[in-house]
Amino acid sequence: MCNIAVISVHTSPLARPGTRDSGGMNVYMRELSRQLCRRAHTMDIFTRRTDPDTPQVVEIDGRTRIIQIEAGPLEAKKVSLQQYLPEFRCGVIRFQEEQGRSYDLVHSHYWLSGWVGQALKVRWNVPHVIMFHTLGEVKNRAHFSEHEPDYRIAGERLVAQGADRIICASEGERRALIEFYGVSPERAVQVPCGVDTDHFRPMPRGSVRRELGLSQDEPLVLYVGRIEPLKGIDILLRAAAETEGHFRLLVVGGDGKEARRKAELQQLADELGIAGRVVFRDAVPHEQLPLYYNAADICVVPSFYESFGLVALEAMACGVPVVASRVGGLLETVRHGETGYLVSRRCPEPFAERLELLLDNEPLRRSLGRMARSAVERFRWAEVASQVEDVYHELVSEYRGVAVGAHVA
């Protein structure tokens, strides 16, 4: 049994995935904590307070707590959080000392949290595990119109060089850390993200469409995720405009904070002449997502960069074929021609070709969907948690061994 301090500065696992700074990382933390607590580990998840009305400590279950640390203005945006990291670190240490609790290991998520994790590693003399989720250097190479700042990449490099282990969601991410960040291969461990195959499962399409108020007969193409340029939603809209045949495109993600970006996408749909076929809905609770996947004929992931591609995995678990960009972790999640299709060129035409192929061939869709459901069995959360637990045990044993040796000397 381990006491684990989890650091997630910029987002809470309680936040709704698909909104501004919330996505697969939030799902990962929540599901991993649930699995590890079943294995008798305890987890304190430290995150920055953004709501004045929520209590400092939120009990998730008997072994998991979310602790909100005051650091900077409540409304501070992610790009400004670096200046508040020392304050956040002090808040975590103060809470730990007041509680009289010791931790066996620190697991941080994203580079901002990694800076705090490194400081706590030194303070508590415990191992530090980090999962970056996204890497600035890779994002810059994937999408030239956006540029992650140099200070982020420098911060990532500093954390990557100092952490005891880096958990990588894909082999592509592991190679990027070795090539671009100088990480030694033995410290970068590949462990995929997981999916709850009991929750995300095939359901009768007619009943879920009735529940969601969608047409029974109209073909439906689905996008789920954040509303940001890196996700390639504009490519999907242009592909929809080039695709022959009538279908509905449902875009699920974002909230009121992404109103400007949504308005730009709606304007693009209008300019392309497909505004009447595109429906935008705000992000829905993660518990409701299986309804949307099962209502769809195809799920599209047109991202410029995905470290893993959790949306693709969730759709596949529901028996829905995926058309996705041939990037990052999607290369290892989607099996081209078996569970969906991977598109090499990040432009509308190849996406339109694959959409037409699938929309015109129901037996093919069904066949790919069945294969997709079978393919996700290896991503069950129990298996993923077991691999993460192995990383924890190895490091904690190493540190305890060093501590004993030093004490005896």
Foldseek 3Di string as FASTA:
>chain_A
DFEEEEEDEADALVDFFQADPHHPVSVQVVLLQVLVVVVVYAYEYEYAAQDPPDDQWDDPDPRYIYGHFHFDHSPDHPVPCLVRLVVSLVRVVVVCVVVVDAGQEYEYEALSRLVSQLVVCVVRVHAYEYERQDAQVVLCVLDVVDHDDPVRNVSVLVSLQRHQAYEAQDVVVLVCCCVVNVHDSVRYHYFHAFDALVLLAADPLQVLCVVVVHDPPAAEEEEGHYLDVQQLVLQVLVLVLVADDDHAYEYEHYDPVCVVSVVVSLVSNVVSVNNVRYHYHYHDHPSSVSSVLNNHQEYERLGSEGQACVVCLSSLSNLFAYEYACYHNVVVLHDDPQQYHYDDDSHNPVVSVRVNVSVVDPVSRNRSSVRSNVVNPCRHSNNSSVVVVVVSVVRSVVSVVVVVVVVVD
